[in-house]
Protein backbone atom coordinates (compact mmCIF):
# COMPACT_ATOMS: atom_id res chain seq x y z
CA UNK A 1 104.60 -101.93 -77.14
CA UNK A 2 103.07 -100.26 -80.22
CA UNK A 3 99.35 -100.81 -80.90
CA UNK A 4 97.73 -100.07 -84.29
CA UNK A 5 93.93 -100.30 -84.23
CA UNK A 6 92.48 -99.56 -87.66
CA UNK A 7 95.10 -96.84 -88.26
CA UNK A 8 94.92 -95.43 -84.72
CA UNK A 9 98.45 -95.85 -83.30
CA UNK A 10 99.32 -95.79 -79.63
CA UNK A 11 102.31 -96.84 -77.54
CA UNK A 12 101.44 -98.46 -74.22
CA UNK A 13 103.59 -99.32 -71.22
CA UNK A 14 103.91 -102.95 -70.25
CA UNK A 15 103.21 -102.34 -66.57
CA UNK A 16 99.88 -100.69 -67.55
CA UNK A 17 98.80 -103.77 -69.49
CA UNK A 18 99.95 -106.13 -66.73
CA UNK A 19 97.33 -104.64 -64.42
CA UNK A 20 94.81 -106.67 -66.42
CA UNK A 21 96.65 -109.83 -67.57
CA UNK A 22 93.46 -111.64 -68.60
CA UNK A 23 92.66 -109.13 -71.35
CA UNK A 24 93.79 -109.56 -74.96
CA UNK A 25 96.52 -106.92 -74.71
CA UNK A 26 97.68 -108.32 -71.39
CA UNK A 27 98.05 -111.78 -72.88
CA UNK A 28 100.30 -110.39 -75.63
CA UNK A 29 103.07 -109.86 -73.08
CA UNK A 30 103.18 -113.56 -72.29
CA UNK A 31 103.51 -114.67 -75.94
CA UNK A 32 106.96 -116.03 -76.98
CA UNK A 33 106.37 -116.94 -80.64
CA UNK A 34 104.92 -115.21 -83.68
CA UNK A 35 102.27 -117.93 -84.03
CA UNK A 36 100.94 -117.30 -80.53
CA UNK A 37 100.98 -113.55 -81.18
CA UNK A 38 98.94 -113.91 -84.40
CA UNK A 39 96.31 -115.82 -82.43
CA UNK A 40 95.64 -112.62 -80.47
CA UNK A 41 96.06 -109.96 -83.18
CA UNK A 42 95.45 -109.68 -86.93
CA UNK A 43 99.04 -108.86 -87.93
CA UNK A 44 102.45 -108.30 -86.33
CA UNK A 45 105.52 -106.39 -87.49
CA UNK A 46 108.52 -107.81 -85.61
CA UNK A 47 110.88 -105.10 -86.89
CA UNK A 48 108.80 -102.32 -85.33
CA UNK A 49 107.34 -104.53 -82.60
CA UNK A 50 103.90 -103.26 -83.70
CA UNK A 51 100.66 -105.20 -83.19
CA UNK A 52 97.86 -104.55 -85.69
CA UNK A 53 94.15 -105.04 -84.89
CA UNK A 54 91.44 -104.72 -87.53
CA UNK A 55 88.88 -103.15 -85.17
CA UNK A 56 86.89 -99.91 -84.93
CA UNK A 57 89.37 -97.11 -84.10
CA UNK A 58 86.61 -94.87 -82.73
CA UNK A 59 85.88 -97.27 -79.86
CA UNK A 60 89.51 -98.01 -78.93
CA UNK A 61 89.93 -94.78 -76.85
CA UNK A 62 87.39 -96.24 -74.42
CA UNK A 63 89.63 -99.33 -74.09
CA UNK A 64 92.65 -97.11 -73.44
CA UNK A 65 90.72 -95.25 -70.78
CA UNK A 66 89.96 -98.59 -69.12
CA UNK A 67 93.66 -99.51 -68.87
CA UNK A 68 94.50 -96.09 -67.42
CA UNK A 69 91.65 -95.77 -64.90
CA UNK A 70 90.28 -99.27 -64.40
CA UNK A 71 86.76 -98.15 -65.39
CA UNK A 72 84.96 -98.58 -68.69
CA UNK A 73 82.81 -95.56 -69.44
CA UNK A 74 79.91 -95.94 -71.88
CA UNK A 75 78.32 -92.78 -73.24
CA UNK A 76 74.59 -92.65 -73.94
CA UNK A 77 74.94 -92.08 -77.69
CA UNK A 78 76.91 -95.32 -78.29
CA UNK A 79 75.32 -98.48 -79.67
CA UNK A 80 75.32 -100.79 -76.66
CA UNK A 81 75.39 -103.98 -78.71
CA UNK A 82 78.39 -102.90 -80.82
CA UNK A 83 80.23 -101.72 -77.70
CA UNK A 84 79.52 -105.04 -75.96
CA UNK A 85 81.01 -106.90 -78.91
CA UNK A 86 84.07 -104.65 -78.80
CA UNK A 87 84.85 -105.14 -75.11
CA UNK A 88 84.24 -108.87 -75.48
CA UNK A 89 86.92 -108.93 -78.21
CA UNK A 90 89.44 -107.14 -75.98
CA UNK A 91 88.64 -109.51 -73.12
CA UNK A 92 87.31 -106.85 -70.76
CA UNK A 93 84.76 -107.99 -68.20
CA UNK A 94 81.40 -106.17 -68.32
CA UNK A 95 81.50 -105.67 -64.56
CA UNK A 96 83.89 -102.76 -65.19
CA UNK A 97 81.23 -100.84 -67.16
CA UNK A 98 80.31 -97.44 -65.80
CA UNK A 99 77.34 -96.12 -67.81
CA UNK A 100 77.16 -92.38 -68.45
CA UNK A 101 74.42 -90.67 -70.44
CA UNK A 102 73.12 -87.20 -71.09
CA UNK A 103 72.29 -85.43 -67.84
CA UNK A 104 68.73 -84.24 -67.41
CA UNK A 105 66.69 -82.72 -64.69
CA UNK A 106 64.75 -85.34 -62.64
CA UNK A 107 61.37 -84.03 -63.77
CA UNK A 108 62.42 -83.94 -67.43
CA UNK A 109 63.89 -87.45 -67.19
CA UNK A 110 60.73 -88.78 -65.60
CA UNK A 111 58.63 -87.04 -68.27
CA UNK A 112 60.64 -88.49 -71.18
CA UNK A 113 60.86 -91.99 -69.70
CA UNK A 114 57.11 -92.12 -69.10
CA UNK A 115 56.40 -90.81 -72.59
CA UNK A 116 58.78 -93.33 -74.17
CA UNK A 117 57.27 -96.24 -72.25
CA UNK A 118 53.85 -95.35 -73.61
CA UNK A 119 54.86 -94.84 -77.23
CA UNK A 120 57.92 -96.98 -78.02
CA UNK A 121 56.49 -100.40 -78.57
CA UNK A 122 59.04 -101.74 -81.03
CA UNK A 123 58.19 -102.95 -84.51
CA UNK A 124 59.55 -106.34 -83.42
CA UNK A 125 56.71 -106.66 -80.88
CA UNK A 126 54.16 -105.67 -83.51
CA UNK A 127 55.54 -108.22 -85.97
CA UNK A 128 55.30 -110.94 -83.31
CA UNK A 129 51.70 -109.91 -82.60
CA UNK A 130 50.96 -110.15 -86.33
CA UNK A 131 52.44 -113.65 -86.56
CA UNK A 132 50.57 -114.63 -83.41
CA UNK A 133 47.28 -113.64 -85.06
CA UNK A 134 48.26 -115.48 -88.25
CA UNK A 135 49.05 -118.66 -86.29
CA UNK A 136 45.50 -118.81 -84.90
CA UNK A 137 44.18 -119.93 -88.29
CA UNK A 138 46.08 -123.24 -88.09
CA UNK A 139 43.54 -124.61 -85.60
CA UNK A 140 40.42 -123.29 -87.37
CA UNK A 141 38.34 -124.80 -90.20
CA UNK A 142 39.58 -123.70 -93.65
CA UNK A 143 42.39 -121.95 -91.79
CA UNK A 144 44.79 -121.55 -94.72
CA UNK A 145 42.12 -120.08 -97.03
CA UNK A 146 40.84 -117.72 -94.32
CA UNK A 147 44.41 -116.62 -93.55
CA UNK A 148 45.08 -115.73 -97.17
CA UNK A 149 41.81 -113.76 -97.34
CA UNK A 150 42.65 -112.03 -94.05
CA UNK A 151 46.05 -110.98 -95.38
CA UNK A 152 44.52 -109.78 -98.65
CA UNK A 153 41.81 -107.70 -96.94
CA UNK A 154 43.92 -106.20 -94.14
CA UNK A 155 47.17 -105.66 -96.05
CA UNK A 156 46.65 -103.63 -99.25
CA UNK A 157 50.03 -104.49 -100.75
CA UNK A 158 50.09 -108.21 -99.98
CA UNK A 159 48.99 -109.55 -103.38
CA UNK A 160 47.38 -108.56 -106.68
CA UNK A 161 43.94 -109.41 -105.24
CA UNK A 162 44.53 -107.16 -102.24
CA UNK A 163 45.65 -104.27 -104.48
CA UNK A 164 42.52 -104.59 -106.64
CA UNK A 165 40.33 -104.72 -103.53
CA UNK A 166 42.10 -101.67 -102.10
CA UNK A 167 41.65 -99.65 -105.31
CA UNK A 168 37.93 -100.50 -105.44
CA UNK A 169 37.48 -99.50 -101.82
CA UNK A 170 39.23 -96.15 -102.37
CA UNK A 171 37.13 -95.44 -105.47
CA UNK A 172 33.89 -96.18 -103.61
CA UNK A 173 34.89 -93.98 -100.65
CA UNK A 174 35.83 -91.05 -102.88
CA UNK A 175 32.69 -91.53 -105.01
CA UNK A 176 30.51 -91.46 -101.88
CA UNK A 177 32.15 -88.23 -100.66
CA UNK A 178 31.87 -86.56 -104.10
CA UNK A 179 28.15 -87.40 -104.44
CA UNK A 180 27.47 -86.02 -100.96
CA UNK A 181 29.19 -82.76 -101.92
CA UNK A 182 27.41 -82.51 -105.28
CA UNK A 183 24.07 -83.13 -103.59
CA UNK A 184 24.49 -79.85 -101.68
CA UNK A 185 24.68 -77.80 -104.90
CA UNK A 186 21.48 -75.96 -105.90
CA UNK A 187 21.64 -77.39 -109.45
CA UNK A 188 21.21 -80.95 -108.13
CA UNK A 189 18.62 -80.33 -105.43
CA UNK A 190 15.10 -81.69 -106.02
CA UNK A 191 11.89 -80.87 -104.11
CA UNK A 192 8.68 -82.88 -103.97
CA UNK A 193 5.13 -81.59 -104.43
CA UNK A 194 5.04 -80.41 -100.82
CA UNK A 195 8.25 -78.41 -101.18
CA UNK A 196 10.36 -80.80 -99.13
CA UNK A 197 13.88 -81.50 -100.43
CA UNK A 198 14.55 -84.91 -101.96
CA UNK A 199 17.75 -86.66 -102.95
CA UNK A 200 18.62 -86.98 -106.62
CA UNK A 201 17.84 -90.58 -107.75
CA UNK A 202 21.27 -90.84 -109.39
CA UNK A 203 23.01 -89.92 -106.15
CA UNK A 204 20.75 -92.26 -104.25
CA UNK A 205 21.87 -95.17 -106.43
CA UNK A 206 25.52 -94.32 -105.76
CA UNK A 207 24.80 -94.04 -102.05
CA UNK A 208 23.10 -97.45 -101.89
CA UNK A 209 25.91 -99.06 -103.85
CA UNK A 210 28.47 -97.54 -101.47
CA UNK A 211 26.57 -98.77 -98.41
CA UNK A 212 26.33 -102.26 -99.93
CA UNK A 213 30.08 -102.27 -100.61
CA UNK A 214 30.99 -100.98 -97.13
CA UNK A 215 28.70 -103.56 -95.52
CA UNK A 216 30.21 -106.36 -97.60
CA UNK A 217 33.70 -105.17 -96.73
CA UNK A 218 33.00 -105.11 -92.99
CA UNK A 219 31.25 -108.50 -92.99
CA UNK A 220 34.05 -110.07 -95.05
CA UNK A 221 36.74 -108.79 -92.67
CA UNK A 222 34.75 -109.99 -89.68
CA UNK A 223 34.27 -113.45 -91.25
CA UNK A 224 38.02 -114.00 -91.78
CA UNK A 225 39.21 -112.27 -88.58
CA UNK A 226 41.56 -114.42 -86.43
CA UNK A 227 39.83 -113.33 -83.22
CA UNK A 228 36.16 -112.28 -83.34
CA UNK A 229 36.18 -110.91 -79.79
CA UNK A 230 39.00 -108.46 -80.52
CA UNK A 231 37.76 -107.46 -83.97
CA UNK A 232 35.97 -104.26 -82.96
CA UNK A 233 38.77 -103.21 -80.59
CA UNK A 234 40.74 -102.19 -83.68
CA UNK A 235 40.25 -98.51 -84.54
CA UNK A 236 40.00 -99.10 -88.31
CA UNK A 237 37.22 -101.64 -87.84
CA UNK A 238 35.30 -99.18 -85.67
CA UNK A 239 35.63 -96.60 -88.45
CA UNK A 240 34.20 -99.12 -90.92
CA UNK A 241 31.27 -99.72 -88.58
CA UNK A 242 30.62 -96.01 -88.04
CA UNK A 243 30.61 -95.40 -91.80
CA UNK A 244 27.50 -97.56 -92.33
CA UNK A 245 25.62 -97.11 -89.04
CA UNK A 246 24.16 -93.67 -89.94
CA UNK A 247 22.49 -95.11 -93.05
CA UNK A 248 20.78 -97.97 -91.21
CA UNK A 249 19.78 -95.75 -88.26
CA UNK A 250 18.34 -93.22 -90.72
CA UNK A 251 16.41 -95.99 -92.45
CA UNK A 252 14.91 -97.14 -89.14
CA UNK A 253 14.06 -93.56 -88.11
CA UNK A 254 12.26 -92.90 -91.42
CA UNK A 255 10.21 -96.07 -91.02
CA UNK A 256 9.23 -95.05 -87.48
CA UNK A 257 8.27 -91.53 -88.61
CA UNK A 258 6.11 -92.88 -91.45
CA UNK A 259 4.29 -95.28 -89.12
CA UNK A 260 3.89 -92.71 -86.31
CA UNK A 261 3.38 -89.10 -87.49
CA UNK A 262 3.57 -87.91 -83.87
CA UNK A 263 7.29 -88.71 -83.91
CA UNK A 264 8.01 -86.33 -86.78
CA UNK A 265 10.76 -84.63 -84.77
CA UNK A 266 12.85 -87.75 -85.24
CA UNK A 267 13.24 -86.69 -88.86
CA UNK A 268 15.71 -84.05 -87.72
CA UNK A 269 17.82 -86.82 -86.22
CA UNK A 270 17.89 -88.49 -89.62
CA UNK A 271 19.13 -85.25 -91.22
CA UNK A 272 21.97 -84.99 -88.70
CA UNK A 273 22.93 -88.62 -89.26
CA UNK A 274 23.13 -88.03 -93.00
CA UNK A 275 25.85 -85.45 -92.39
CA UNK A 276 27.92 -88.08 -90.60
CA UNK A 277 28.66 -89.66 -93.96
CA UNK A 278 31.62 -87.30 -94.23
CA UNK A 279 33.46 -89.47 -91.69
CA UNK A 280 33.79 -92.13 -94.39
CA UNK A 281 36.90 -90.27 -95.50
CA UNK A 282 38.60 -91.84 -92.45
CA UNK A 283 38.30 -95.21 -94.17
CA UNK A 284 41.23 -94.14 -96.33
CA UNK A 285 43.44 -94.64 -93.26
CA UNK A 286 43.34 -98.38 -93.96
CA UNK A 287 45.11 -97.72 -97.27
CA UNK A 288 47.42 -94.89 -96.12
CA UNK A 289 50.51 -95.34 -93.97
CA UNK A 290 50.63 -91.62 -93.24
CA UNK A 291 47.08 -91.46 -91.86
CA UNK A 292 47.65 -94.45 -89.59
CA UNK A 293 50.89 -92.92 -88.35
CA UNK A 294 49.07 -89.64 -87.70
CA UNK A 295 46.43 -91.44 -85.65
CA UNK A 296 49.08 -93.20 -83.56
CA UNK A 297 50.91 -89.90 -83.07
CA UNK A 298 47.80 -88.15 -81.77
CA UNK A 299 47.05 -91.11 -79.51
CA UNK A 300 50.44 -91.03 -77.81
CA UNK A 301 50.98 -87.26 -77.94
CA UNK A 302 48.15 -86.20 -75.68
CA UNK A 303 50.64 -84.57 -73.29
CA UNK A 304 52.14 -82.43 -76.05
CA UNK A 305 48.69 -81.58 -77.43
CA UNK A 306 47.57 -80.72 -73.90
CA UNK A 307 50.55 -78.42 -73.52
CA UNK A 308 49.69 -76.72 -76.79
CA UNK A 309 46.09 -76.12 -75.70
CA UNK A 310 47.24 -74.92 -72.28
CA UNK A 311 49.66 -72.41 -73.78
CA UNK A 312 47.00 -71.14 -76.17
CA UNK A 313 44.43 -70.84 -73.37
CA UNK A 314 46.78 -68.80 -71.21
CA UNK A 315 47.75 -66.51 -74.10
CA UNK A 316 44.14 -66.04 -75.23
CA UNK A 317 43.04 -65.17 -71.70
CA UNK A 318 45.79 -62.59 -71.24
CA UNK A 319 45.62 -60.85 -74.62
CA UNK A 320 41.80 -60.82 -74.74
CA UNK A 321 41.63 -58.92 -71.43
CA UNK A 322 44.35 -56.49 -72.56
CA UNK A 323 42.57 -55.85 -75.88
CA UNK A 324 39.23 -55.39 -74.08
CA UNK A 325 40.76 -52.84 -71.73
CA UNK A 326 42.28 -50.84 -74.58
CA UNK A 327 39.53 -51.06 -77.23
CA UNK A 328 36.23 -51.38 -75.35
CA UNK A 329 35.28 -47.72 -75.70
CA UNK A 330 36.29 -47.19 -79.34
CA UNK A 331 35.72 -50.57 -81.02
CA UNK A 332 32.31 -52.27 -80.99
CA UNK A 333 33.83 -55.58 -82.12
CA UNK A 334 35.97 -55.73 -78.97
CA UNK A 335 33.39 -54.38 -76.55
CA UNK A 336 33.11 -57.62 -74.53
CA UNK A 337 35.67 -60.11 -73.25
CA UNK A 338 34.04 -63.13 -75.05
CA UNK A 339 34.30 -61.20 -78.32
CA UNK A 340 37.97 -60.56 -77.52
CA UNK A 341 38.43 -64.31 -77.00
CA UNK A 342 37.52 -64.89 -80.63
CA UNK A 343 39.90 -62.16 -81.78
CA UNK A 344 42.77 -63.52 -79.61
CA UNK A 345 42.15 -67.08 -80.84
CA UNK A 346 42.38 -66.24 -84.55
CA UNK A 347 45.38 -63.98 -83.85
CA UNK A 348 47.42 -66.46 -81.79
CA UNK A 349 46.81 -69.24 -84.30
CA UNK A 350 47.94 -66.78 -87.03
CA UNK A 351 44.68 -67.28 -88.95
CA UNK A 352 43.65 -63.63 -88.84
CA UNK A 353 40.19 -63.44 -90.43
CA UNK A 354 40.24 -59.65 -90.17
CA UNK A 355 36.59 -59.50 -89.06
CA UNK A 356 37.64 -57.78 -85.80
CA UNK A 357 40.77 -55.64 -85.69
CA UNK A 358 42.10 -53.13 -83.14
CA UNK A 359 42.14 -49.49 -84.21
CA UNK A 360 44.35 -47.72 -81.67
CA UNK A 361 48.12 -47.76 -81.59
CA UNK A 362 48.19 -49.57 -78.25
CA UNK A 363 45.73 -52.13 -79.61
CA UNK A 364 47.90 -52.78 -82.66
CA UNK A 365 50.95 -53.26 -80.46
CA UNK A 366 48.96 -55.71 -78.37
CA UNK A 367 47.92 -57.55 -81.53
CA UNK A 368 51.55 -57.75 -82.67
CA UNK A 369 52.59 -59.23 -79.33
CA UNK A 370 49.66 -61.65 -79.50
CA UNK A 371 50.69 -62.88 -82.97
CA UNK A 372 54.36 -63.30 -82.01
CA UNK A 373 53.43 -65.14 -78.82
CA UNK A 374 51.12 -67.39 -80.85
CA UNK A 375 53.96 -68.35 -83.20
CA UNK A 376 56.22 -69.29 -80.28
CA UNK A 377 53.46 -71.18 -78.47
CA UNK A 378 52.56 -73.25 -81.53
CA UNK A 379 56.18 -74.01 -82.49
CA UNK A 380 57.37 -75.28 -79.08
CA UNK A 381 55.38 -78.59 -78.88
CA UNK A 382 55.42 -79.19 -82.65
CA UNK A 383 58.98 -80.60 -82.61
CA UNK A 384 58.04 -83.25 -80.05
CA UNK A 385 54.94 -84.23 -82.00
CA UNK A 386 56.89 -84.40 -85.28
CA UNK A 387 59.54 -86.66 -83.73
CA UNK A 388 56.86 -89.07 -82.59
CA UNK A 389 55.24 -88.99 -86.04
CA UNK A 390 58.58 -89.91 -87.64
CA UNK A 391 58.97 -92.78 -85.16
CA UNK A 392 55.50 -94.20 -85.83
CA UNK A 393 55.86 -93.74 -89.59
CA UNK A 394 59.12 -95.75 -89.68
CA UNK A 395 57.59 -98.39 -87.43
CA UNK A 396 54.50 -98.70 -89.63
CA UNK A 397 56.66 -99.05 -92.76
CA UNK A 398 58.68 -101.84 -91.09
CA UNK A 399 55.50 -103.65 -90.09
CA UNK A 400 54.04 -103.36 -93.59
CA UNK A 401 57.27 -104.62 -95.13
CA UNK A 402 57.22 -107.66 -92.85
CA UNK A 403 53.56 -108.37 -93.60
CA UNK A 404 54.06 -108.14 -97.35
CA UNK A 405 57.06 -110.44 -97.34
CA UNK A 406 55.45 -113.19 -95.25
CA UNK A 407 54.66 -116.50 -96.91
CA UNK A 408 52.84 -118.97 -94.70
CA UNK A 409 52.19 -121.63 -97.33
CA UNK A 410 50.34 -124.51 -95.67
CA UNK A 411 51.02 -123.27 -92.16
CA UNK A 412 53.42 -121.61 -89.78
CA UNK A 413 56.63 -123.50 -90.51
CA UNK A 414 59.30 -120.87 -89.78
CA UNK A 415 60.00 -118.23 -87.20
CA UNK A 416 59.62 -114.72 -88.70
CA UNK A 417 62.88 -113.14 -89.89
CA UNK A 418 63.66 -110.14 -87.70
CA UNK A 419 66.73 -108.06 -86.83
CA UNK A 420 67.54 -109.43 -83.38
CA UNK A 421 70.67 -107.27 -83.09
CA UNK A 422 68.73 -104.00 -83.15
CA UNK A 423 66.06 -105.41 -80.84
CA UNK A 424 68.69 -106.64 -78.36
CA UNK A 425 70.54 -103.31 -78.43
CA UNK A 426 67.27 -101.44 -77.82
CA UNK A 427 66.36 -103.60 -74.83
CA UNK A 428 69.85 -103.57 -73.27
CA UNK A 429 70.13 -99.80 -73.59
CA UNK A 430 66.72 -99.37 -71.93
CA UNK A 431 67.74 -101.73 -69.12
CA UNK A 432 71.05 -99.93 -68.49
CA UNK A 433 69.30 -96.55 -68.45
CA UNK A 434 66.74 -97.87 -65.96
CA UNK A 435 69.47 -99.24 -63.69
CA UNK A 436 71.28 -95.90 -63.83
CA UNK A 437 68.07 -94.06 -62.81
CA UNK A 438 67.61 -96.47 -59.88
């Protein structure tokens, strides 16, 4: 008989199809009327005895292979859900599936599986966690009002109020950083009668306003949080706390120093704490998808970062000793191995300050090899880190889209709308890969 699947034509022998009479093509042989034939196919040309099926022609070769060999091979790059739908249409039992994927070395496979398990929490799971937190307000006093405030404070694009609040927060953060930088300029530095430096009163007003705003922001988020016990387990909330702690610790230290002159050394602690204000720039991560994705990438890429540091350490150790051996008698800047460490570090990272350079021909050749090795060492793990960044960035965008489109109204009345097909395909493919490894 002649089979036409989406333009892919193939003639098949009847005895081949009769090996599997319960499949769709096998049942065609037992049909005796055009009506019964059209129940199994989309169209039929009785003059050519050709059966037409409106299906994916790219997947039909796998079906042909099944009739010829009795096994259904599934390659790793196929969408498992789409393939399952296809074999269900043709009436092929899933017990015939023989899963084949890309072959890897056992160590590499173990490495990638362990890395994926740590970093591939799907956006579906995160969306469910978000709705789980939102549902906790239904049993709390003023739950609906607190939920709306929680969404506005934690999701910058949720409403007009949240956008205004986000803009104000960004302006205050940037203003605080700018005043700290301007305060270091000689034109804005003020000294008292004893010659001790003092802060410009104008900058001090901006600083106090920023601290008041950051404190209000943290207290407001804590007041409307769905779970108080888990509030400070979130990295962004810890950043908010660390942005205001130096100010209050400095205030306490200054009061102690004024009351007890013998503890004047604590004043140096206050000066160090003042420099910690620069970490307020991390508060912008709450309003930036890219910064949050970068943080998640660094969290789950410690193996790749460790590899990068290991490669650099090995290269620095080797090239520093070689440069010391060649240049120690003629170059004072490379007269010790620790000094050569600095030179090898800036060379392998392709920074090249030029403060210490080799002078001999052999030293220049060593420097060239050091720079080329540094380029290769830095490039190798970067691809893995970039792939994870792309994954987390897409996942964060999906989560933000789901959060911005949610509408709880007076309570949790509907199940969140999610793409169950993609989630099912992801889980089935992971399960089949795990069974294959076993």
